[in-house]
Amino acid sequence: MTLADVIKSETIVLKKSAGQGAIHSLSVIGSGELHGDAEIILILNGGPYKTEKLSGKVDFRWGGDWYSDEAEIRYTPTSVTGGSLKLKYDFSD
């Protein structure tokens, strides 16, 4: 999935695929390029779980145990004037 507008804050809810069983892990890969600074946070139980500061070339990987059918990601630009950000994710059952 690609963020629609990297200049605006966005909350993204990732969901497991239909037909998947009990989820036990999540992997998220972020790529792209931002003109300016931003932050992206994976939320767990209402608070930050994993955080990345983004600027220029974006290339990050999150992975680990995850026991929910959904994941919330909050993207907050602080000085972004353009660019693109793509997220690939996979829930493992």
N, C-alpha and C. Protein backbone atom coordinates (compact mmCIF):
# COMPACT_ATOMS: atom_id res chain seq x y z
N MET A 1 0.84 -1.18 0.00
CA MET A 1 0.00 0.00 0.00
C MET A 1 0.88 1.24 0.00
N THR A 2 0.44 2.26 -0.68
CA THR A 2 1.16 3.53 -0.75
C THR A 2 0.35 4.60 -0.05
N LEU A 3 1.02 5.42 0.77
CA LEU A 3 0.33 6.52 1.43
C LEU A 3 -0.17 7.49 0.37
N ALA A 4 -1.38 7.95 0.54
CA ALA A 4 -2.00 8.83 -0.45
C ALA A 4 -1.29 10.17 -0.53
N ASP A 5 -0.96 10.75 0.62
CA ASP A 5 -0.35 12.08 0.65
C ASP A 5 0.62 12.16 1.81
N VAL A 6 1.92 12.12 1.52
CA VAL A 6 2.94 12.09 2.58
C VAL A 6 3.04 13.40 3.36
N ILE A 7 2.38 14.45 2.88
CA ILE A 7 2.41 15.74 3.57
C ILE A 7 1.43 15.74 4.75
N LYS A 8 0.44 14.84 4.73
CA LYS A 8 -0.60 14.80 5.76
C LYS A 8 -0.42 13.62 6.70
N SER A 9 -0.77 13.83 7.98
CA SER A 9 -0.78 12.73 8.95
C SER A 9 -1.81 11.69 8.53
N GLU A 10 -1.51 10.45 8.85
CA GLU A 10 -2.44 9.38 8.48
C GLU A 10 -2.35 8.25 9.50
N THR A 11 -3.51 7.69 9.83
CA THR A 11 -3.58 6.48 10.65
C THR A 11 -4.03 5.36 9.75
N ILE A 12 -3.22 4.29 9.71
CA ILE A 12 -3.47 3.17 8.81
C ILE A 12 -3.78 1.95 9.67
N VAL A 13 -4.85 1.25 9.34
CA VAL A 13 -5.16 0.01 10.04
C VAL A 13 -4.92 -1.15 9.07
N LEU A 14 -3.96 -1.99 9.42
CA LEU A 14 -3.66 -3.18 8.63
C LEU A 14 -4.51 -4.32 9.17
N LYS A 15 -5.01 -5.17 8.28
CA LYS A 15 -5.85 -6.30 8.69
C LYS A 15 -5.34 -7.58 8.04
N LYS A 16 -5.52 -8.69 8.77
CA LYS A 16 -5.13 -9.98 8.20
C LYS A 16 -6.04 -10.30 7.02
N SER A 17 -5.58 -11.21 6.17
CA SER A 17 -6.37 -11.63 5.01
C SER A 17 -7.53 -12.50 5.45
N ALA A 18 -8.61 -12.45 4.68
CA ALA A 18 -9.74 -13.33 4.94
C ALA A 18 -9.26 -14.77 4.86
N GLY A 19 -9.71 -15.59 5.79
CA GLY A 19 -9.34 -17.00 5.75
C GLY A 19 -8.08 -17.34 6.55
N GLN A 20 -7.37 -16.32 7.02
CA GLN A 20 -6.19 -16.61 7.83
C GLN A 20 -6.63 -17.06 9.22
N GLY A 21 -5.81 -17.91 9.84
CA GLY A 21 -6.10 -18.40 11.19
C GLY A 21 -5.59 -17.44 12.25
N ALA A 22 -5.22 -18.02 13.40
CA ALA A 22 -4.71 -17.19 14.50
C ALA A 22 -3.35 -16.61 14.13
N ILE A 23 -3.25 -15.30 14.23
CA ILE A 23 -2.02 -14.60 13.85
C ILE A 23 -0.98 -14.72 14.97
N HIS A 24 0.28 -14.95 14.58
CA HIS A 24 1.34 -15.02 15.59
C HIS A 24 2.52 -14.10 15.29
N SER A 25 2.58 -13.51 14.08
CA SER A 25 3.65 -12.54 13.84
C SER A 25 3.25 -11.56 12.74
N LEU A 26 3.96 -10.44 12.73
CA LEU A 26 3.70 -9.38 11.77
C LEU A 26 5.03 -8.87 11.25
N SER A 27 5.10 -8.64 9.94
CA SER A 27 6.27 -7.97 9.38
C SER A 27 5.80 -6.80 8.55
N VAL A 28 6.50 -5.67 8.68
CA VAL A 28 6.19 -4.45 7.93
C VAL A 28 7.50 -3.95 7.32
N ILE A 29 7.46 -3.66 6.03
CA ILE A 29 8.61 -3.10 5.33
C ILE A 29 8.20 -1.75 4.75
N GLY A 30 8.96 -0.73 5.07
CA GLY A 30 8.70 0.61 4.56
C GLY A 30 9.78 1.01 3.58
N SER A 31 9.37 1.62 2.46
CA SER A 31 10.34 2.08 1.47
C SER A 31 9.82 3.34 0.79
N GLY A 32 10.74 4.07 0.18
CA GLY A 32 10.36 5.29 -0.53
C GLY A 32 11.37 6.39 -0.29
N GLU A 33 10.92 7.61 -0.48
CA GLU A 33 11.79 8.76 -0.24
C GLU A 33 10.93 9.94 0.20
N LEU A 34 11.36 10.60 1.27
CA LEU A 34 10.63 11.75 1.79
C LEU A 34 11.51 13.00 1.71
N HIS A 35 10.91 14.10 1.29
CA HIS A 35 11.57 15.39 1.27
C HIS A 35 11.19 16.10 2.57
N GLY A 36 11.99 15.88 3.62
CA GLY A 36 11.68 16.41 4.94
C GLY A 36 11.71 15.30 5.97
N ASP A 37 11.20 15.59 7.15
CA ASP A 37 11.24 14.66 8.27
C ASP A 37 9.83 14.20 8.66
N ALA A 38 9.75 12.93 9.08
CA ALA A 38 8.48 12.36 9.53
C ALA A 38 8.77 11.26 10.54
N GLU A 39 7.72 10.80 11.18
CA GLU A 39 7.83 9.69 12.13
C GLU A 39 6.72 8.70 11.82
N ILE A 40 7.01 7.43 11.98
CA ILE A 40 6.00 6.40 11.80
C ILE A 40 6.06 5.48 13.01
N ILE A 41 4.89 5.14 13.55
CA ILE A 41 4.81 4.39 14.81
C ILE A 41 3.84 3.22 14.64
N LEU A 42 4.28 2.05 15.09
CA LEU A 42 3.40 0.89 15.20
C LEU A 42 2.83 0.90 16.61
N ILE A 43 1.50 0.88 16.71
CA ILE A 43 0.82 0.99 18.00
C ILE A 43 0.46 -0.40 18.53
N LEU A 44 0.74 -0.60 19.81
CA LEU A 44 0.36 -1.85 20.50
C LEU A 44 -0.31 -1.47 21.81
N ASN A 45 -1.53 -1.95 22.02
CA ASN A 45 -2.29 -1.65 23.24
C ASN A 45 -2.38 -0.15 23.51
N GLY A 46 -2.57 0.64 22.45
CA GLY A 46 -2.78 2.07 22.59
C GLY A 46 -1.53 2.91 22.70
N GLY A 47 -0.36 2.28 22.77
CA GLY A 47 0.88 3.04 22.91
C GLY A 47 1.90 2.65 21.85
N PRO A 48 2.98 3.43 21.73
CA PRO A 48 4.00 3.15 20.72
C PRO A 48 4.72 1.83 21.00
N TYR A 49 4.88 1.01 19.99
CA TYR A 49 5.59 -0.27 20.10
C TYR A 49 6.90 -0.23 19.33
N LYS A 50 6.83 0.23 18.08
CA LYS A 50 8.03 0.43 17.27
C LYS A 50 7.92 1.79 16.61
N THR A 51 9.04 2.52 16.57
CA THR A 51 9.06 3.87 16.03
C THR A 51 10.24 4.03 15.08
N GLU A 52 10.00 4.73 13.98
CA GLU A 52 11.07 5.06 13.04
C GLU A 52 11.01 6.55 12.73
N LYS A 53 12.16 7.19 12.74
CA LYS A 53 12.27 8.56 12.23
C LYS A 53 12.60 8.43 10.75
N LEU A 54 11.87 9.14 9.91
CA LEU A 54 12.03 9.03 8.46
C LEU A 54 12.52 10.35 7.89
N SER A 55 13.48 10.26 6.97
CA SER A 55 13.99 11.43 6.26
C SER A 55 14.82 10.95 5.09
N GLY A 56 14.62 11.57 3.92
CA GLY A 56 15.38 11.15 2.75
C GLY A 56 14.96 9.77 2.29
N LYS A 57 15.94 8.92 1.98
CA LYS A 57 15.65 7.56 1.53
C LYS A 57 15.08 6.76 2.69
N VAL A 58 13.94 6.12 2.48
CA VAL A 58 13.26 5.35 3.52
C VAL A 58 13.46 3.86 3.25
N ASP A 59 13.95 3.15 4.27
CA ASP A 59 14.11 1.70 4.17
C ASP A 59 14.15 1.14 5.59
N PHE A 60 13.00 0.66 6.07
CA PHE A 60 12.98 0.08 7.41
C PHE A 60 12.20 -1.22 7.41
N ARG A 61 12.50 -2.06 8.40
CA ARG A 61 11.83 -3.35 8.54
C ARG A 61 11.46 -3.55 10.01
N TRP A 62 10.20 -3.87 10.22
CA TRP A 62 9.75 -4.26 11.55
C TRP A 62 9.30 -5.70 11.46
N GLY A 63 9.55 -6.46 12.51
CA GLY A 63 9.08 -7.84 12.54
C GLY A 63 9.05 -8.32 13.97
N GLY A 64 8.24 -9.33 14.20
CA GLY A 64 8.20 -9.91 15.54
C GLY A 64 6.86 -10.53 15.84
N ASP A 65 6.75 -10.99 17.07
CA ASP A 65 5.52 -11.63 17.53
C ASP A 65 4.38 -10.62 17.49
N TRP A 66 3.22 -11.08 17.08
CA TRP A 66 2.03 -10.23 17.00
C TRP A 66 0.83 -11.15 17.12
N TYR A 67 -0.08 -10.85 18.04
CA TYR A 67 -1.20 -11.76 18.31
C TYR A 67 -2.56 -11.10 18.12
N SER A 68 -2.62 -10.18 17.18
CA SER A 68 -3.87 -9.50 16.88
C SER A 68 -4.15 -9.61 15.38
N ASP A 69 -5.42 -9.55 15.00
CA ASP A 69 -5.81 -9.62 13.59
C ASP A 69 -5.65 -8.28 12.88
N GLU A 70 -5.33 -7.23 13.63
CA GLU A 70 -5.15 -5.89 13.07
C GLU A 70 -3.90 -5.24 13.67
N ALA A 71 -3.40 -4.25 12.96
CA ALA A 71 -2.29 -3.44 13.47
C ALA A 71 -2.55 -2.00 13.07
N GLU A 72 -2.29 -1.09 13.99
CA GLU A 72 -2.46 0.34 13.71
C GLU A 72 -1.10 0.99 13.55
N ILE A 73 -0.96 1.76 12.47
CA ILE A 73 0.27 2.50 12.21
C ILE A 73 -0.10 3.98 12.09
N ARG A 74 0.67 4.82 12.80
CA ARG A 74 0.44 6.26 12.73
C ARG A 74 1.63 6.92 12.04
N TYR A 75 1.34 7.66 10.99
CA TYR A 75 2.36 8.38 10.24
C TYR A 75 2.17 9.87 10.52
N THR A 76 3.25 10.54 10.95
CA THR A 76 3.17 11.96 11.27
C THR A 76 4.33 12.71 10.61
N PRO A 77 4.04 13.51 9.58
CA PRO A 77 5.10 14.32 8.97
C PRO A 77 5.34 15.56 9.82
N THR A 78 6.61 15.96 9.96
CA THR A 78 6.91 17.19 10.70
C THR A 78 7.31 18.31 9.75
N SER A 79 8.02 17.95 8.67
CA SER A 79 8.44 19.00 7.72
C SER A 79 8.47 18.45 6.28
N VAL A 80 7.60 17.52 5.98
CA VAL A 80 7.62 16.87 4.66
C VAL A 80 6.98 17.79 3.61
N THR A 81 7.68 17.97 2.48
CA THR A 81 7.15 18.78 1.39
C THR A 81 6.79 17.93 0.17
N GLY A 82 7.15 16.64 0.20
CA GLY A 82 6.82 15.76 -0.92
C GLY A 82 7.53 14.43 -0.77
N GLY A 83 7.36 13.59 -1.80
CA GLY A 83 7.98 12.27 -1.78
C GLY A 83 6.94 11.17 -1.84
N SER A 84 7.36 9.97 -1.46
CA SER A 84 6.43 8.84 -1.46
C SER A 84 6.85 7.85 -0.38
N LEU A 85 5.87 7.11 0.12
CA LEU A 85 6.12 6.11 1.14
C LEU A 85 5.23 4.91 0.86
N LYS A 86 5.86 3.75 0.76
CA LYS A 86 5.14 2.51 0.49
C LYS A 86 5.35 1.57 1.66
N LEU A 87 4.27 0.89 2.08
CA LEU A 87 4.35 -0.10 3.14
C LEU A 87 3.92 -1.45 2.61
N LYS A 88 4.74 -2.47 2.87
CA LYS A 88 4.36 -3.85 2.57
C LYS A 88 4.24 -4.54 3.92
N TYR A 89 3.20 -5.35 4.09
CA TYR A 89 3.04 -6.01 5.37
C TYR A 89 2.55 -7.43 5.19
N ASP A 90 2.80 -8.25 6.22
CA ASP A 90 2.39 -9.64 6.17
C ASP A 90 2.08 -10.13 7.56
N PHE A 91 0.84 -10.60 7.74
CA PHE A 91 0.47 -11.26 8.98
C PHE A 91 0.72 -12.76 8.79
N SER A 92 1.42 -13.39 9.74
CA SER A 92 1.67 -14.83 9.64
C SER A 92 0.77 -15.59 10.60
N ASP A 93 0.14 -16.65 10.07
CA ASP A 93 -0.73 -17.48 10.92
C ASP A 93 -0.15 -18.86 11.10
